[in-house]
N, C-alpha and C. Protein backbone atom coordinates (compact mmCIF):
# COMPACT_ATOMS: atom_id res chain seq x y z
N UNK A 1 3.34 44.51 18.08
CA UNK A 1 3.50 43.27 17.27
C UNK A 1 2.74 42.12 18.13
N UNK A 2 2.92 42.00 19.35
CA UNK A 2 2.44 41.02 20.19
C UNK A 2 1.15 41.46 20.97
N UNK A 3 0.32 40.49 21.37
CA UNK A 3 -0.82 40.91 22.19
C UNK A 3 -0.34 41.42 23.48
N UNK A 4 -1.11 42.15 24.23
CA UNK A 4 -2.56 42.34 24.08
C UNK A 4 -2.97 43.49 23.19
N UNK A 5 -2.01 44.27 22.76
CA UNK A 5 -2.36 45.43 21.82
C UNK A 5 -1.51 45.25 20.62
N UNK A 6 -1.83 44.31 19.70
CA UNK A 6 -1.00 44.13 18.52
C UNK A 6 -1.12 45.29 17.51
N UNK A 7 0.04 45.55 16.92
CA UNK A 7 0.16 46.62 15.93
C UNK A 7 0.92 46.01 14.86
N UNK A 8 0.72 46.37 13.59
CA UNK A 8 1.49 45.83 12.44
C UNK A 8 2.96 46.33 12.53
N UNK A 9 3.84 45.58 11.91
CA UNK A 9 5.27 45.91 11.88
C UNK A 9 5.47 47.18 11.11
N UNK A 10 4.58 47.51 10.15
CA UNK A 10 4.76 48.58 9.32
C UNK A 10 4.38 49.93 10.10
N UNK A 11 3.50 49.77 10.99
CA UNK A 11 3.03 50.94 11.81
C UNK A 11 3.97 51.25 13.01
N UNK A 12 4.60 50.24 13.44
CA UNK A 12 5.45 50.42 14.62
C UNK A 12 6.65 51.39 14.43
N UNK A 13 7.32 51.40 13.34
CA UNK A 13 8.43 52.37 13.27
C UNK A 13 7.96 53.79 13.32
N UNK A 14 6.78 54.02 12.77
CA UNK A 14 6.24 55.43 12.88
C UNK A 14 5.96 55.72 14.35
N UNK A 15 5.43 54.87 15.09
CA UNK A 15 4.99 55.19 16.52
C UNK A 15 6.17 55.16 17.42
N UNK A 16 7.13 54.27 17.21
CA UNK A 16 8.19 54.10 18.22
C UNK A 16 9.59 54.62 17.75
N UNK A 17 9.79 54.77 16.50
CA UNK A 17 11.06 55.15 16.04
C UNK A 17 12.04 53.96 15.77
N UNK A 18 11.69 52.88 16.15
CA UNK A 18 12.49 51.55 15.92
C UNK A 18 12.35 51.23 14.50
N UNK A 19 13.53 50.92 13.90
CA UNK A 19 13.48 50.54 12.40
C UNK A 19 12.67 49.22 12.16
N UNK A 20 12.12 49.17 10.97
CA UNK A 20 11.35 48.01 10.63
C UNK A 20 12.16 46.83 10.53
N UNK A 21 13.40 46.88 10.10
CA UNK A 21 14.42 45.84 9.99
C UNK A 21 14.54 45.24 11.44
N UNK A 22 14.81 46.08 12.38
CA UNK A 22 14.90 45.55 13.76
C UNK A 22 13.67 44.91 14.24
N UNK A 23 12.52 45.32 13.94
CA UNK A 23 11.33 44.73 14.36
C UNK A 23 11.13 43.35 13.70
N UNK A 24 11.51 43.27 12.37
CA UNK A 24 11.31 41.90 11.68
C UNK A 24 12.32 40.94 12.29
N UNK A 25 13.57 41.46 12.78
CA UNK A 25 14.58 40.57 13.38
C UNK A 25 13.97 40.08 14.68
N UNK A 26 13.31 41.01 15.44
CA UNK A 26 12.77 40.53 16.76
C UNK A 26 11.64 39.51 16.56
N UNK A 27 10.78 39.78 15.56
CA UNK A 27 9.69 38.80 15.23
C UNK A 27 10.29 37.41 14.91
N UNK A 28 11.37 37.44 14.09
CA UNK A 28 12.03 36.29 13.72
C UNK A 28 12.67 35.51 14.91
N UNK A 29 13.28 36.38 15.79
CA UNK A 29 13.81 35.85 17.06
C UNK A 29 12.73 35.14 17.90
N UNK A 30 11.59 35.73 18.01
CA UNK A 30 10.53 35.15 18.94
C UNK A 30 10.04 33.87 18.26
N UNK A 31 9.85 33.89 16.93
CA UNK A 31 9.49 32.64 16.20
C UNK A 31 10.45 31.53 16.40
N UNK A 32 11.75 31.85 16.27
CA UNK A 32 12.81 30.78 16.38
C UNK A 32 12.96 30.27 17.78
N UNK A 33 12.51 31.13 18.77
CA UNK A 33 12.68 30.65 20.13
C UNK A 33 11.33 29.91 20.64
N UNK A 34 10.48 29.71 19.59
CA UNK A 34 9.30 28.89 19.92
C UNK A 34 8.03 29.65 20.45
N UNK A 35 8.07 30.95 20.23
CA UNK A 35 6.91 31.78 20.61
C UNK A 35 6.07 31.89 19.38
N UNK A 36 4.71 31.54 19.44
CA UNK A 36 3.93 31.59 18.36
C UNK A 36 3.57 33.04 18.10
N UNK A 37 3.87 33.60 16.88
CA UNK A 37 3.58 34.90 16.44
C UNK A 37 2.77 34.86 15.18
N UNK A 38 1.72 35.59 14.94
CA UNK A 38 0.99 35.67 13.70
C UNK A 38 1.86 36.27 12.59
N UNK A 39 1.70 35.81 11.32
CA UNK A 39 2.46 36.33 10.26
C UNK A 39 2.20 37.81 10.06
N UNK A 40 0.93 38.19 9.99
CA UNK A 40 0.57 39.46 9.76
C UNK A 40 -0.44 39.97 10.81
N UNK A 41 -0.10 40.90 11.50
CA UNK A 41 -1.05 41.39 12.59
C UNK A 41 -2.30 42.08 12.01
N UNK A 42 -2.21 42.51 10.76
CA UNK A 42 -3.57 43.19 10.29
C UNK A 42 -4.54 42.08 9.98
N UNK A 43 -4.05 40.84 9.68
CA UNK A 43 -4.99 39.66 9.55
C UNK A 43 -4.57 38.64 10.53
N UNK A 44 -5.34 38.62 11.61
CA UNK A 44 -5.00 37.71 12.61
C UNK A 44 -5.18 36.19 12.23
N UNK A 45 -5.94 35.95 11.20
CA UNK A 45 -6.23 34.57 10.83
C UNK A 45 -5.14 34.06 9.81
N UNK A 46 -4.00 34.72 9.57
CA UNK A 46 -3.08 34.31 8.67
C UNK A 46 -1.87 33.82 9.43
N UNK A 47 -2.03 32.90 10.28
CA UNK A 47 -0.89 32.23 10.97
C UNK A 47 -0.16 31.31 10.11
N UNK A 48 1.08 31.17 10.23
CA UNK A 48 1.79 30.17 9.39
C UNK A 48 1.50 28.79 10.06
N UNK A 49 1.81 27.81 9.25
CA UNK A 49 1.56 26.36 9.70
C UNK A 49 2.42 26.11 10.92
N UNK A 50 3.65 26.60 10.92
CA UNK A 50 4.51 26.33 12.04
C UNK A 50 4.00 26.97 13.33
N UNK A 51 3.44 28.23 13.17
CA UNK A 51 2.90 28.90 14.42
C UNK A 51 1.57 28.23 14.87
N UNK A 52 0.86 27.77 13.75
CA UNK A 52 -0.40 27.00 14.25
C UNK A 52 -0.06 25.76 15.04
N UNK A 53 0.92 25.04 14.60
CA UNK A 53 1.35 23.75 15.23
C UNK A 53 1.91 24.11 16.64
N UNK A 54 2.66 25.24 16.73
CA UNK A 54 3.16 25.65 18.03
C UNK A 54 2.08 25.91 18.99
N UNK A 55 0.97 26.65 18.48
CA UNK A 55 -0.19 26.91 19.36
C UNK A 55 -0.85 25.61 19.77
N UNK A 56 -0.99 24.65 18.90
CA UNK A 56 -1.59 23.39 19.20
C UNK A 56 -0.77 22.68 20.23
N UNK A 57 0.48 22.62 20.09
CA UNK A 57 1.46 22.01 21.02
C UNK A 57 1.31 22.64 22.41
N UNK A 58 1.34 23.92 22.43
CA UNK A 58 1.33 24.74 23.67
C UNK A 58 0.02 24.51 24.42
N UNK A 59 -1.11 24.36 23.66
CA UNK A 59 -2.48 24.17 24.29
C UNK A 59 -2.94 22.77 24.42
N UNK A 60 -2.12 21.81 24.03
CA UNK A 60 -2.50 20.47 24.15
C UNK A 60 -2.91 19.92 25.54
N UNK A 61 -2.27 20.40 26.57
CA UNK A 61 -2.52 20.00 27.89
C UNK A 61 -3.41 20.88 28.77
N UNK A 62 -3.84 21.91 28.02
CA UNK A 62 -4.62 22.96 28.76
C UNK A 62 -6.14 22.49 28.84
N UNK A 63 -6.76 22.95 30.02
CA UNK A 63 -8.16 22.73 30.12
C UNK A 63 -8.88 23.97 29.39
N UNK A 64 -10.17 24.00 29.47
CA UNK A 64 -10.94 25.11 28.83
C UNK A 64 -10.70 26.44 29.33
N UNK A 65 -10.51 26.56 30.64
CA UNK A 65 -10.20 27.87 31.33
C UNK A 65 -8.77 28.40 30.91
N UNK A 66 -7.84 27.45 30.98
CA UNK A 66 -6.48 27.82 30.61
C UNK A 66 -6.42 28.18 29.14
N UNK A 67 -7.17 27.40 28.32
CA UNK A 67 -7.11 27.66 26.82
C UNK A 67 -7.76 29.04 26.53
N UNK A 68 -8.78 29.37 27.31
CA UNK A 68 -9.51 30.71 27.11
C UNK A 68 -8.48 31.80 27.46
N UNK A 69 -7.82 31.64 28.53
CA UNK A 69 -6.82 32.74 28.92
C UNK A 69 -5.67 32.81 27.93
N UNK A 70 -5.25 31.66 27.42
CA UNK A 70 -4.13 31.65 26.39
C UNK A 70 -4.62 32.43 25.17
N UNK A 71 -5.83 32.05 24.70
CA UNK A 71 -6.36 32.63 23.55
C UNK A 71 -6.59 34.15 23.68
N UNK A 72 -7.01 34.57 24.88
CA UNK A 72 -7.18 36.03 25.13
C UNK A 72 -5.77 36.71 24.95
N UNK A 73 -4.70 36.10 25.52
CA UNK A 73 -3.40 36.66 25.36
C UNK A 73 -2.83 36.74 23.98
N UNK A 74 -3.20 35.78 23.12
CA UNK A 74 -2.83 35.68 21.76
C UNK A 74 -3.84 36.38 20.80
N UNK A 75 -4.86 36.87 21.32
CA UNK A 75 -5.95 37.51 20.50
C UNK A 75 -6.48 36.45 19.60
N UNK A 76 -6.77 35.30 20.02
CA UNK A 76 -7.36 34.21 19.28
C UNK A 76 -8.73 33.84 19.89
N UNK A 77 -9.46 33.05 19.14
CA UNK A 77 -10.71 32.37 19.60
C UNK A 77 -10.31 30.96 19.75
N UNK A 78 -10.93 30.24 20.80
CA UNK A 78 -10.65 28.84 21.00
C UNK A 78 -11.04 27.97 19.72
N UNK A 79 -12.09 28.36 19.06
CA UNK A 79 -12.59 27.55 17.95
C UNK A 79 -11.42 27.31 16.86
N UNK A 80 -10.73 28.40 16.41
CA UNK A 80 -9.66 28.02 15.40
C UNK A 80 -8.63 27.11 15.95
N UNK A 81 -8.32 27.26 17.28
CA UNK A 81 -7.22 26.42 17.86
C UNK A 81 -7.73 24.98 17.81
N UNK A 82 -8.97 24.74 18.10
CA UNK A 82 -9.53 23.27 18.02
C UNK A 82 -9.49 22.81 16.63
N UNK A 83 -9.80 23.68 15.63
CA UNK A 83 -9.82 23.28 14.32
C UNK A 83 -8.29 22.92 13.81
N UNK A 84 -7.40 23.75 14.29
CA UNK A 84 -5.99 23.53 13.96
C UNK A 84 -5.50 22.20 14.53
N UNK A 85 -6.04 21.92 15.75
CA UNK A 85 -5.63 20.60 16.40
C UNK A 85 -6.16 19.46 15.55
N UNK A 86 -7.52 19.56 15.16
CA UNK A 86 -8.11 18.52 14.36
C UNK A 86 -7.32 18.37 13.04
N UNK A 87 -6.98 19.46 12.43
CA UNK A 87 -6.19 19.41 11.18
C UNK A 87 -4.86 18.70 11.39
N UNK A 88 -4.18 19.09 12.41
CA UNK A 88 -2.85 18.50 12.71
C UNK A 88 -3.03 16.92 12.94
N UNK A 89 -4.14 16.58 13.70
CA UNK A 89 -4.26 15.13 13.96
C UNK A 89 -4.65 14.45 12.67
N UNK A 90 -5.47 15.11 11.77
CA UNK A 90 -5.79 14.46 10.55
C UNK A 90 -4.60 14.30 9.63
N UNK A 91 -3.81 15.32 9.61
CA UNK A 91 -2.52 15.24 8.81
C UNK A 91 -1.59 14.17 9.36
N UNK A 92 -1.48 14.03 10.67
CA UNK A 92 -0.69 12.93 11.23
C UNK A 92 -1.14 11.57 10.84
N UNK A 93 -2.54 11.39 10.97
CA UNK A 93 -3.07 10.10 10.71
C UNK A 93 -2.95 9.78 9.14
N UNK A 94 -3.11 10.76 8.37
CA UNK A 94 -2.94 10.56 6.95
C UNK A 94 -1.39 10.23 6.66
N UNK A 95 -0.55 10.91 7.23
CA UNK A 95 0.87 10.49 7.12
C UNK A 95 1.09 9.16 7.57
N UNK A 96 0.60 8.72 8.74
CA UNK A 96 0.79 7.31 9.19
C UNK A 96 0.19 6.30 8.17
N UNK A 97 -0.99 6.68 7.59
CA UNK A 97 -1.65 5.83 6.63
C UNK A 97 -0.73 5.66 5.34
N UNK A 98 -0.17 6.81 4.96
CA UNK A 98 0.72 6.80 3.77
C UNK A 98 1.93 5.86 4.03
N UNK A 99 2.50 6.04 5.31
CA UNK A 99 3.59 5.13 5.56
C UNK A 99 3.27 3.74 5.58
N UNK A 100 2.13 3.22 6.13
CA UNK A 100 1.64 1.94 5.99
C UNK A 100 1.44 1.55 4.56
N UNK A 101 0.91 2.44 3.72
CA UNK A 101 0.66 2.02 2.38
C UNK A 101 2.02 1.81 1.68
N UNK A 102 2.98 2.67 1.97
CA UNK A 102 4.28 2.55 1.34
C UNK A 102 4.96 1.19 1.77
N UNK A 103 4.79 0.88 3.10
CA UNK A 103 5.43 -0.30 3.61
C UNK A 103 4.79 -1.60 2.91
N UNK A 104 3.42 -1.55 2.88
CA UNK A 104 2.75 -2.64 2.13
C UNK A 104 3.18 -2.70 0.72
N UNK A 105 3.27 -1.55 -0.04
CA UNK A 105 3.62 -1.56 -1.41
C UNK A 105 5.07 -2.10 -1.58
N UNK A 106 5.93 -1.70 -0.65
CA UNK A 106 7.33 -2.22 -0.65
C UNK A 106 7.38 -3.73 -0.47
N UNK A 107 6.59 -4.23 0.49
CA UNK A 107 6.55 -5.63 0.79
C UNK A 107 6.07 -6.35 -0.50
N UNK A 108 5.02 -5.81 -1.24
CA UNK A 108 4.48 -6.43 -2.37
C UNK A 108 5.48 -6.38 -3.47
N UNK A 109 6.28 -5.35 -3.56
CA UNK A 109 7.26 -5.19 -4.57
C UNK A 109 8.43 -6.18 -4.36
N UNK A 110 8.79 -6.43 -3.04
CA UNK A 110 9.81 -7.50 -2.74
C UNK A 110 9.33 -8.79 -3.22
N UNK A 111 8.07 -9.17 -2.95
CA UNK A 111 7.55 -10.48 -3.36
C UNK A 111 7.55 -10.58 -4.85
N UNK A 112 7.11 -9.55 -5.52
CA UNK A 112 7.13 -9.56 -7.02
C UNK A 112 8.57 -9.78 -7.58
N UNK A 113 9.52 -9.05 -6.95
CA UNK A 113 10.92 -9.15 -7.40
C UNK A 113 11.46 -10.63 -7.17
N UNK A 114 11.13 -11.07 -6.05
CA UNK A 114 11.53 -12.50 -5.77
C UNK A 114 10.94 -13.51 -6.75
N UNK A 115 9.66 -13.30 -7.00
CA UNK A 115 8.94 -14.14 -8.00
C UNK A 115 9.50 -14.06 -9.37
N UNK A 116 9.85 -12.83 -9.76
CA UNK A 116 10.46 -12.71 -11.06
C UNK A 116 11.86 -13.15 -11.18
N UNK A 117 12.63 -13.07 -10.13
CA UNK A 117 13.95 -13.57 -10.03
C UNK A 117 13.94 -15.11 -10.18
N UNK A 118 12.99 -15.71 -9.48
CA UNK A 118 12.80 -17.19 -9.63
C UNK A 118 12.52 -17.53 -11.04
N UNK A 119 11.60 -16.77 -11.65
CA UNK A 119 11.23 -17.01 -12.96
C UNK A 119 12.36 -16.90 -13.93
N UNK A 120 13.17 -15.83 -13.75
CA UNK A 120 14.34 -15.62 -14.60
C UNK A 120 15.30 -16.69 -14.39
N UNK A 121 15.62 -17.10 -13.19
CA UNK A 121 16.51 -18.26 -12.96
C UNK A 121 16.05 -19.50 -13.61
N UNK A 122 14.77 -19.78 -13.53
CA UNK A 122 14.26 -20.97 -14.24
C UNK A 122 14.44 -20.95 -15.78
N UNK A 123 14.18 -19.74 -16.29
CA UNK A 123 14.32 -19.53 -17.79
C UNK A 123 15.67 -19.64 -18.19
N UNK A 124 16.68 -19.05 -17.38
CA UNK A 124 18.04 -19.22 -17.65
C UNK A 124 18.53 -20.61 -17.63
N UNK A 125 18.08 -21.43 -16.68
CA UNK A 125 18.43 -22.76 -16.70
C UNK A 125 17.89 -23.49 -17.92
N UNK A 126 16.65 -23.17 -18.27
CA UNK A 126 16.04 -23.88 -19.49
C UNK A 126 16.82 -23.41 -20.69
N UNK A 127 17.17 -22.24 -20.83
CA UNK A 127 17.98 -21.71 -21.97
C UNK A 127 19.33 -22.34 -22.07
N UNK A 128 19.94 -22.54 -20.95
CA UNK A 128 21.35 -23.18 -20.79
C UNK A 128 21.12 -24.52 -21.29
N UNK A 129 20.10 -25.30 -20.81
CA UNK A 129 19.83 -26.69 -21.21
C UNK A 129 19.62 -26.77 -22.62
N UNK A 130 18.82 -25.89 -23.14
CA UNK A 130 18.59 -25.91 -24.66
C UNK A 130 19.91 -25.73 -25.41
N UNK A 131 20.60 -24.73 -24.98
CA UNK A 131 21.93 -24.50 -25.69
C UNK A 131 22.83 -25.76 -25.64
N UNK A 132 22.86 -26.38 -24.51
CA UNK A 132 23.67 -27.57 -24.29
C UNK A 132 23.22 -28.73 -25.21
N UNK A 133 21.87 -28.92 -25.26
CA UNK A 133 21.35 -29.92 -26.20
C UNK A 133 21.59 -29.60 -27.60
N UNK A 134 21.68 -28.44 -28.01
CA UNK A 134 21.81 -27.99 -29.30
C UNK A 134 23.34 -28.36 -29.73
N UNK A 135 24.27 -27.98 -28.81
CA UNK A 135 25.68 -28.26 -29.02
C UNK A 135 25.84 -29.67 -29.18
N UNK A 136 25.35 -30.46 -28.26
CA UNK A 136 25.42 -31.93 -28.24
C UNK A 136 24.89 -32.51 -29.52
N UNK A 137 23.67 -32.04 -30.02
CA UNK A 137 23.13 -32.55 -31.29
C UNK A 137 24.04 -32.32 -32.45
N UNK A 138 24.63 -31.06 -32.44
CA UNK A 138 25.62 -30.76 -33.60
C UNK A 138 26.82 -31.62 -33.50
N UNK A 139 27.37 -31.97 -32.33
CA UNK A 139 28.45 -32.77 -32.15
C UNK A 139 28.11 -34.18 -32.62
N UNK A 140 26.94 -34.58 -32.30
CA UNK A 140 26.45 -35.95 -32.57
C UNK A 140 26.32 -36.05 -34.08
N UNK A 141 25.89 -35.10 -34.79
CA UNK A 141 25.74 -35.16 -36.27
C UNK A 141 27.02 -35.21 -36.94
N UNK A 142 28.11 -34.49 -36.42
CA UNK A 142 29.37 -34.50 -36.93
C UNK A 142 30.14 -35.83 -36.76
N UNK A 143 29.83 -36.41 -35.52
CA UNK A 143 30.48 -37.72 -35.33
C UNK A 143 29.69 -38.87 -35.97
N UNK A 144 28.45 -38.78 -36.18
CA UNK A 144 27.71 -39.80 -36.70
C UNK A 144 27.56 -39.77 -38.20
């Protein structure tokens, strides 16, 4: 399952006699403990998003020599790791921009609500004044 000699989970029970259920549990255990494991060893480029992010985080502080060694151990090329890093940064920047846009939209909404509340209050006062004048004019007609 793991480098340096990765074998698919389907093939390991035949070779080792360990049940596939146990192998899947082991793979899940490694993933949950933070070790990046590819989703399918038959296709090394099908890493899950979580595993890609884990690789990016693990390699963030590495220089080129360390990165090359890490990639050899994981049966990766450094190019996909750098692309994953760029994608993660782009997604983070996009997320930050979305948050800024939501905040700006929220502030605009608050201003609009405040303006509409002022307008509503002014119209309520005008309506109350009109109703009071109408009542007074009816009373004036009855008395006069």
